[in-house]
PDB file of N, CA and C in Angstrom:
ATOM      1  N   MET A   1      -8.632  -5.112   2.919  1.00  0.00           N
ATOM      2  CA  MET A   1      -7.537  -5.602   2.364  1.00  0.00           C
ATOM      3  C   MET A   1      -6.837  -6.847   2.346  1.00  0.00           C
ATOM      4  N   PRO A   2      -6.674  -7.406   1.306  1.00  0.00           N
ATOM      5  CA  PRO A   2      -6.496  -8.909   2.072  1.00  0.00           C
ATOM      6  C   PRO A   2      -5.012  -9.406   2.403  1.00  0.00           C
ATOM      7  N   THR A   3      -4.883 -10.477   2.839  1.00  0.00           N
ATOM      8  CA  THR A   3      -3.610 -10.720   3.469  1.00  0.00           C
ATOM      9  C   THR A   3      -3.029 -11.399   2.237  1.00  0.00           C
ATOM     10  N   VAL A   4      -1.592 -11.689   2.524  1.00  0.00           N
ATOM     11  CA  VAL A   4      -0.878 -12.046   1.341  1.00  0.00           C
ATOM     12  C   VAL A   4      -1.533 -13.464   0.337  1.00  0.00           C
ATOM     13  N   GLN A   5      -1.909 -14.316   2.164  1.00  0.00           N
ATOM     14  CA  GLN A   5      -2.555 -15.938   1.810  1.00  0.00           C
ATOM     15  C   GLN A   5      -3.400 -15.899   0.924  1.00  0.00           C
ATOM     16  N   GLU A   6      -4.256 -14.225   1.187  1.00  0.00           N
ATOM     17  CA  GLU A   6      -5.786 -14.429   0.807  1.00  0.00           C
ATOM     18  C   GLU A   6      -5.517 -14.064  -0.341  1.00  0.00           C
ATOM     19  N   ALA A   7      -4.765 -13.152  -1.007  1.00  0.00           N
ATOM     20  CA  ALA A   7      -4.338 -12.636  -2.277  1.00  0.00           C
ATOM     21  C   ALA A   7      -4.081 -14.052  -3.062  1.00  0.00           C
ATOM     22  N   ILE A   8      -2.896 -14.920  -2.446  1.00  0.00           N
ATOM     23  CA  ILE A   8      -2.724 -15.636  -3.426  1.00  0.00           C
ATOM     24  C   ILE A   8      -3.978 -16.992  -3.816  1.00  0.00           C
ATOM     25  N   LYS A   9      -4.582 -17.421  -2.896  1.00  0.00           N
ATOM     26  CA  LYS A   9      -6.088 -17.997  -3.287  1.00  0.00           C
ATOM     27  C   LYS A   9      -6.763 -17.059  -3.967  1.00  0.00           C
ATOM     28  N   ARG A  10      -7.032 -16.324  -4.675  1.00  0.00           N
ATOM     29  CA  ARG A  10      -7.402 -15.315  -5.845  1.00  0.00           C
ATOM     30  C   ARG A  10      -6.928 -15.334  -6.740  1.00  0.00           C
ATOM     31  N   LEU A  11      -5.637 -15.651  -6.686  1.00  0.00           N
ATOM     32  CA  LEU A  11      -4.801 -15.779  -7.966  1.00  0.00           C
ATOM     33  C   LEU A  11      -4.970 -17.410  -8.978  1.00  0.00           C
ATOM     34  N   ARG A  12      -6.124 -17.644  -9.186  1.00  0.00           N
ATOM     35  CA  ARG A  12      -6.112 -18.641 -10.023  1.00  0.00           C
ATOM     36  C   ARG A  12      -6.119 -18.562 -11.167  1.00  0.00           C
ATOM     37  N   TRP A  13      -5.246 -17.870 -12.391  1.00  0.00           N
ATOM     38  CA  TRP A  13      -4.891 -17.662 -13.440  1.00  0.00           C
ATOM     39  C   TRP A  13      -4.410 -19.454 -14.183  1.00  0.00           C
ATOM     40  N   ASN A  14      -4.509 -19.205 -15.084  1.00  0.00           N
ATOM     41  CA  ASN A  14      -3.386 -19.928 -16.062  1.00  0.00           C
ATOM     42  C   ASN A  14      -1.549 -20.176 -15.351  1.00  0.00           C
ATOM     43  N   LYS A  15      -1.476 -20.641 -15.060  1.00  0.00           N
ATOM     44  CA  LYS A  15       0.295 -20.833 -14.856  1.00  0.00           C
ATOM     45  C   LYS A  15       0.923 -20.356 -15.748  1.00  0.00           C
ATOM     46  N   ARG A  16       1.067 -20.471 -16.959  1.00  0.00           N
ATOM     47  CA  ARG A  16       1.700 -20.178 -18.271  1.00  0.00           C
ATOM     48  C   ARG A  16       1.065 -18.406 -18.160  1.00  0.00           C
ATOM     49  N   GLN A  17      -0.058 -17.690 -17.595  1.00  0.00           N
ATOM     50  CA  GLN A  17      -0.298 -16.788 -18.481  1.00  0.00           C
ATOM     51  C   GLN A  17       1.134 -15.564 -17.798  1.00  0.00           C
ATOM     52  N   ARG A  18       1.224 -14.793 -18.591  1.00  0.00           N
ATOM     53  CA  ARG A  18       2.081 -13.449 -17.772  1.00  0.00           C
ATOM     54  C   ARG A  18       1.066 -12.638 -17.132  1.00  0.00           C
ATOM     55  N   VAL A  19       1.381 -11.939 -16.165  1.00  0.00           N
ATOM     56  CA  VAL A  19       0.806 -10.941 -15.495  1.00  0.00           C
ATOM     57  C   VAL A  19       1.874  -9.533 -15.077  1.00  0.00           C
ATOM     58  N   ALA A  20       1.258  -8.669 -14.961  1.00  0.00           N
ATOM     59  CA  ALA A  20       1.855  -7.386 -14.363  1.00  0.00           C
ATOM     60  C   ALA A  20       1.744  -7.323 -13.169  1.00  0.00           C
ATOM     61  N   VAL A  21       2.706  -7.361 -12.220  1.00  0.00           N
ATOM     62  CA  VAL A  21       2.085  -7.008 -10.407  1.00  0.00           C
ATOM     63  C   VAL A  21       2.722  -6.183  -9.906  1.00  0.00           C
ATOM     64  N   ALA A  22       1.914  -5.641  -8.661  1.00  0.00           N
ATOM     65  CA  ALA A  22       2.972  -4.261  -7.972  1.00  0.00           C
ATOM     66  C   ALA A  22       2.415  -4.649  -6.534  1.00  0.00           C
ATOM     67  N   ILE A  23       3.157  -4.788  -5.864  1.00  0.00           N
ATOM     68  CA  ILE A  23       2.703  -5.287  -4.563  1.00  0.00           C
ATOM     69  C   ILE A  23       3.293  -3.813  -3.530  1.00  0.00           C
ATOM     70  N   TRP A  24       2.297  -3.455  -3.214  1.00  0.00           N
ATOM     71  CA  TRP A  24       2.746  -2.415  -1.554  1.00  0.00           C
ATOM     72  C   TRP A  24       2.332  -3.141  -0.404  1.00  0.00           C
ATOM     73  N   CYS A  25       3.167  -2.849   0.588  1.00  0.00           N
ATOM     74  CA  CYS A  25       3.006  -3.540   2.219  1.00  0.00           C
ATOM     75  C   CYS A  25       3.127  -2.515   3.149  1.00  0.00           C
ATOM     76  N   GLU A  26       2.574  -2.579   4.173  1.00  0.00           N
ATOM     77  CA  GLU A  26       2.730  -1.670   5.208  1.00  0.00           C
ATOM     78  C   GLU A  26       4.191  -1.506   5.587  1.00  0.00           C
ATOM     79  N   ASP A  27       5.114  -2.363   5.360  1.00  0.00           N
ATOM     80  CA  ASP A  27       6.597  -2.092   5.458  1.00  0.00           C
ATOM     81  C   ASP A  27       6.865  -0.848   4.450  1.00  0.00           C
ATOM     82  N   ASP A  28       6.345  -0.730   3.486  1.00  0.00           N
ATOM     83  CA  ASP A  28       6.414   0.248   2.294  1.00  0.00           C
ATOM     84  C   ASP A  28       6.105   1.142   2.650  1.00  0.00           C
ATOM     85  N   VAL A  29       5.045   1.294   3.341  1.00  0.00           N
ATOM     86  CA  VAL A  29       4.462   2.872   4.043  1.00  0.00           C
ATOM     87  C   VAL A  29       4.938   3.447   5.459  1.00  0.00           C
ATOM     88  N   LEU A  30       5.927   2.422   6.300  1.00  0.00           N
ATOM     89  CA  LEU A  30       6.741   2.708   7.795  1.00  0.00           C
ATOM     90  C   LEU A  30       8.190   3.129   6.584  1.00  0.00           C
ATOM     91  N   GLY A  31       8.489   2.594   5.580  1.00  0.00           N
ATOM     92  CA  GLY A  31       9.906   2.778   5.346  1.00  0.00           C
ATOM     93  C   GLY A  31      10.007   4.340   4.871  1.00  0.00           C
ATOM     94  N   ARG A  32       8.618   4.934   3.887  1.00  0.00           N
ATOM     95  CA  ARG A  32       8.819   5.809   3.167  1.00  0.00           C
ATOM     96  C   ARG A  32       8.418   7.094   4.670  1.00  0.00           C
ATOM     97  N   ALA A  33       7.620   6.565   5.593  1.00  0.00           N
ATOM     98  CA  ALA A  33       7.519   7.575   6.735  1.00  0.00           C
ATOM     99  C   ALA A  33       8.921   7.864   7.019  1.00  0.00           C
ATOM    100  N   ARG A  34       9.708   7.152   7.129  1.00  0.00           N
ATOM    101  CA  ARG A  34      10.783   7.230   8.027  1.00  0.00           C
ATOM    102  C   ARG A  34      11.885   8.120   6.698  1.00  0.00           C
ATOM    103  N   GLU A  35      11.442   8.079   5.851  1.00  0.00           N
ATOM    104  CA  GLU A  35      12.283   8.848   4.833  1.00  0.00           C
ATOM    105  C   GLU A  35      11.964  10.274   4.807  1.00  0.00           C
ATOM    106  N   LEU A  36      10.639  10.682   5.363  1.00  0.00           N
ATOM    107  CA  LEU A  36       9.985  11.928   5.214  1.00  0.00           C
ATOM    108  C   LEU A  36       9.899  12.390   6.948  1.00  0.00           C
ATOM    109  N   GLY A  37      10.488  11.308   7.718  1.00  0.00           N
ATOM    110  CA  GLY A  37      10.573  12.132   9.264  1.00  0.00           C
ATOM    111  C   GLY A  37       9.132  11.933   9.412  1.00  0.00           C
ATOM    112  N   ILE A  38       8.019  11.273   9.473  1.00  0.00           N
ATOM    113  CA  ILE A  38       6.917  11.608   9.861  1.00  0.00           C
ATOM    114  C   ILE A  38       7.291   9.943  10.777  1.00  0.00           C
ATOM    115  N   LYS A  39       6.502  10.110  11.887  1.00  0.00           N
ATOM    116  CA  LYS A  39       6.345   8.962  13.053  1.00  0.00           C
ATOM    117  C   LYS A  39       4.890   8.526  12.766  1.00  0.00           C
ATOM    118  N   VAL A  40       4.904   6.741  12.521  1.00  0.00           N
ATOM    119  CA  VAL A  40       3.692   6.576  12.212  1.00  0.00           C
ATOM    120  C   VAL A  40       3.887   4.622  13.008  1.00  0.00           C
ATOM    121  N   SER A  41       2.813   4.542  13.844  1.00  0.00           N
ATOM    122  CA  SER A  41       2.941   3.035  13.901  1.00  0.00           C
ATOM    123  C   SER A  41       2.643   1.943  12.860  1.00  0.00           C
ATOM    124  N   ARG A  42       2.950   0.734  12.994  1.00  0.00           N
ATOM    125  CA  ARG A  42       2.730  -0.250  12.153  1.00  0.00           C
ATOM    126  C   ARG A  42       0.900  -0.221  11.977  1.00  0.00           C
ATOM    127  N   LYS A  43       0.264  -0.019  13.295  1.00  0.00           N
ATOM    128  CA  LYS A  43      -0.937   0.166  12.954  1.00  0.00           C
ATOM    129  C   LYS A  43      -1.746   1.057  12.037  1.00  0.00           C
ATOM    130  N   GLN A  44      -1.057   2.452  12.063  1.00  0.00           N
ATOM    131  CA  GLN A  44      -0.823   3.407  11.313  1.00  0.00           C
ATOM    132  C   GLN A  44      -1.029   3.056   9.773  1.00  0.00           C
ATOM    133  N   ALA A  45       0.360   2.413   9.297  1.00  0.00           N
ATOM    134  CA  ALA A  45       0.629   1.696   8.548  1.00  0.00           C
ATOM    135  C   ALA A  45      -0.575   1.180   7.693  1.00  0.00           C
ATOM    136  N   ARG A  46      -0.933  -0.016   8.548  1.00  0.00           N
ATOM    137  CA  ARG A  46      -1.713  -0.773   7.907  1.00  0.00           C
ATOM    138  C   ARG A  46      -3.247   0.248   7.435  1.00  0.00           C
ATOM    139  N   GLU A  47      -3.775   0.704   8.084  1.00  0.00           N
ATOM    140  CA  GLU A  47      -4.606   1.663   7.902  1.00  0.00           C
ATOM    141  C   GLU A  47      -4.542   2.528   6.312  1.00  0.00           C
ATOM    142  N   ILE A  48      -3.651   3.087   6.392  1.00  0.00           N
ATOM    143  CA  ILE A  48      -3.419   3.459   4.936  1.00  0.00           C
ATOM    144  C   ILE A  48      -3.104   2.954   3.672  1.00  0.00           C
ATOM    145  N   ILE A  49      -2.462   1.838   4.160  1.00  0.00           N
ATOM    146  CA  ILE A  49      -2.660   0.552   3.242  1.00  0.00           C
ATOM    147  C   ILE A  49      -4.082  -0.097   2.809  1.00  0.00           C
ATOM    148  N   ASP A  50      -5.008   0.159   3.785  1.00  0.00           N
ATOM    149  CA  ASP A  50      -6.252  -0.637   3.778  1.00  0.00           C
ATOM    150  C   ASP A  50      -7.013   0.810   2.973  1.00  0.00           C
ATOM    151  N   GLN A  51      -6.915   1.880   3.372  1.00  0.00           N
ATOM    152  CA  GLN A  51      -7.344   3.177   2.565  1.00  0.00           C
ATOM    153  C   GLN A  51      -7.158   2.850   1.628  1.00  0.00           C
ATOM    154  N   ILE A  52      -5.643   3.165   0.856  1.00  0.00           N
ATOM    155  CA  ILE A  52      -5.082   2.981  -0.253  1.00  0.00           C
ATOM    156  C   ILE A  52      -5.965   1.841  -1.217  1.00  0.00           C
ATOM    157  N   ASP A  53      -5.858   0.990  -0.743  1.00  0.00           N
ATOM    158  CA  ASP A  53      -6.411   0.044  -1.301  1.00  0.00           C
ATOM    159  C   ASP A  53      -8.132  -0.281  -1.759  1.00  0.00           C
ATOM    160  N   HIS A  54      -8.773   0.621  -0.609  1.00  0.00           N
ATOM    161  CA  HIS A  54     -10.086   0.720  -1.412  1.00  0.00           C
ATOM    162  C   HIS A  54     -10.396   1.678  -2.064  1.00  0.00           C
ATOM    163  N   LYS A  55      -9.492   2.781  -2.216  1.00  0.00           N
ATOM    164  CA  LYS A  55      -9.600   4.119  -2.562  1.00  0.00           C
ATOM    165  C   LYS A  55      -9.100   4.230  -3.895  1.00  0.00           C
ATOM    166  N   GLN A  56      -8.154   3.344  -4.557  1.00  0.00           N
ATOM    167  CA  GLN A  56      -7.359   3.760  -5.687  1.00  0.00           C
ATOM    168  C   GLN A  56      -7.797   3.691  -6.809  1.00  0.00           C
ATOM    169  N   ASP A  57      -7.318   4.778  -7.302  1.00  0.00           N
ATOM    170  CA  ASP A  57      -7.825   4.856  -8.572  1.00  0.00           C
ATOM    171  C   ASP A  57      -7.205   3.765 -10.122  1.00  0.00           C
ATOM    172  N   CYS A  58      -7.840   2.603 -10.589  1.00  0.00           N
ATOM    173  CA  CYS A  58      -7.180   1.796 -11.168  1.00  0.00           C
ATOM    174  C   CYS A  58      -6.152   2.602 -12.640  1.00  0.00           C
ATOM    175  N   SER A  59      -6.806   3.399 -12.943  1.00  0.00           N
ATOM    176  CA  SER A  59      -6.076   4.234 -14.433  1.00  0.00           C
ATOM    177  C   SER A  59      -5.071   5.123 -13.742  1.00  0.00           C
ATOM    178  N   ILE A  60      -4.684   5.162 -12.564  1.00  0.00           N
ATOM    179  CA  ILE A  60      -3.389   5.741 -11.950  1.00  0.00           C
ATOM    180  C   ILE A  60      -2.480   4.886 -11.204  1.00  0.00           C
ATOM    181  N   GLY A  61      -3.191   3.940 -10.587  1.00  0.00           N
ATOM    182  CA  GLY A  61      -2.207   2.999  -9.698  1.00  0.00           C
ATOM    183  C   GLY A  61      -1.962   3.886  -8.514  1.00  0.00           C
ATOM    184  N   ILE A  62      -0.929   2.871  -7.908  1.00  0.00           N
ATOM    185  CA  ILE A  62      -0.201   3.441  -6.524  1.00  0.00           C
ATOM    186  C   ILE A  62       0.784   3.837  -6.679  1.00  0.00           C
ATOM    187  N   SER A  63       1.311   5.307  -6.261  1.00  0.00           N
ATOM    188  CA  SER A  63       2.667   5.647  -6.369  1.00  0.00           C
ATOM    189  C   SER A  63       3.334   5.655  -4.873  1.00  0.00           C
ATOM    190  N   TRP A  64       4.696   6.159  -4.971  1.00  0.00           N
ATOM    191  CA  TRP A  64       4.797   6.943  -3.793  1.00  0.00           C
ATOM    192  C   TRP A  64       4.555   8.246  -3.548  1.00  0.00           C
ATOM    193  N   ASP A  65       4.002   9.169  -4.516  1.00  0.00           N
ATOM    194  CA  ASP A  65       3.330  10.244  -4.286  1.00  0.00           C
ATOM    195  C   ASP A  65       2.233   9.860  -3.407  1.00  0.00           C
ATOM    196  N   MET A  66       1.175   9.108  -4.062  1.00  0.00           N
ATOM    197  CA  MET A  66      -0.021   8.597  -3.150  1.00  0.00           C
ATOM    198  C   MET A  66       0.422   8.064  -1.602  1.00  0.00           C
ATOM    199  N   ILE A  67       1.384   7.586  -1.714  1.00  0.00           N
ATOM    200  CA  ILE A  67       1.721   7.122  -0.191  1.00  0.00           C
ATOM    201  C   ILE A  67       2.010   8.257   0.520  1.00  0.00           C
ATOM    202  N   ASP A  68       2.900   9.206  -0.014  1.00  0.00           N
ATOM    203  CA  ASP A  68       3.287  10.722   0.846  1.00  0.00           C
ATOM    204  C   ASP A  68       1.580  11.333   1.038  1.00  0.00           C
ATOM    205  N   ASN A  69       1.159  11.457  -0.004  1.00  0.00           N
ATOM    206  CA  ASN A  69       0.007  12.130   0.307  1.00  0.00           C
ATOM    207  C   ASN A  69      -1.325  11.439   1.282  1.00  0.00           C
ATOM    208  N   TYR A  70      -0.676  10.273   1.505  1.00  0.00           N
ATOM    209  CA  TYR A  70      -1.932   9.544   2.819  1.00  0.00           C
ATOM    210  C   TYR A  70      -1.117   9.839   4.028  1.00  0.00           C
ATOM    211  N   LEU A  71       0.178   9.560   3.992  1.00  0.00           N
ATOM    212  CA  LEU A  71       0.980   9.946   5.318  1.00  0.00           C
ATOM    213  C   LEU A  71       0.758  11.293   6.165  1.00  0.00           C
ATOM    214  N   ILE A  72       0.845  12.456   4.583  1.00  0.00           N
ATOM    215  CA  ILE A  72       0.818  13.908   5.014  1.00  0.00           C
ATOM    216  C   ILE A  72      -0.771  14.191   5.502  1.00  0.00           C
ATOM    217  N   ASP A  73      -1.635  13.661   4.529  1.00  0.00           N
ATOM    218  CA  ASP A  73      -3.466  13.919   5.043  1.00  0.00           C
ATOM    219  C   ASP A  73      -3.556  13.102   6.669  1.00  0.00           C
ATOM    220  N   ALA A  74      -2.925  12.033   6.912  1.00  0.00           N
ATOM    221  CA  ALA A  74      -3.036  11.753   8.086  1.00  0.00           C
ATOM    222  C   ALA A  74      -2.662  12.306   9.511  1.00  0.00           C
ATOM    223  N   GLY A  75      -2.065  13.650   8.912  1.00  0.00           N
ATOM    224  CA  GLY A  75      -1.670  14.747   9.885  1.00  0.00           C
ATOM    225  C   GLY A  75      -0.371  14.039  11.148  1.00  0.00           C
ATOM    226  N   LEU A  76       0.027  12.725   9.990  1.00  0.00           N
ATOM    227  CA  LEU A  76       1.119  11.931  10.806  1.00  0.00           C
ATOM    228  C   LEU A  76       2.683  12.852  10.989  1.00  0.00           C
ATOM    229  N   ARG A  77       2.925  13.879  10.213  1.00  0.00           N
ATOM    230  CA  ARG A  77       4.668  14.948  10.201  1.00  0.00           C
ATOM    231  C   ARG A  77       4.816  15.209  11.433  1.00  0.00           C
ATOM    232  N   LYS A  78       5.644  15.234  11.725  1.00  0.00           N
ATOM    233  CA  LYS A  78       6.488  15.529  13.297  1.00  0.00           C
ATOM    234  C   LYS A  78       5.920  16.990  13.630  1.00  0.00           C
TER     235      LYS A  78
END
């Protein structure tokens, strides 16, 4: 998964072009885990973001449901 700095380098579009962007980060995973009562480390959250980035279906996108499923599938429920 690219870092923010790497992602910025990849964005070489015309500055006037309109784009739609959704950005998910490990803090999103950590916050959602807290809401669900699931204990997760920053390293585990990073691994989940990496998995989601590599396996996402571009016709579906990334959602809270997807993050929930990765948290639960990872066996991280208390």
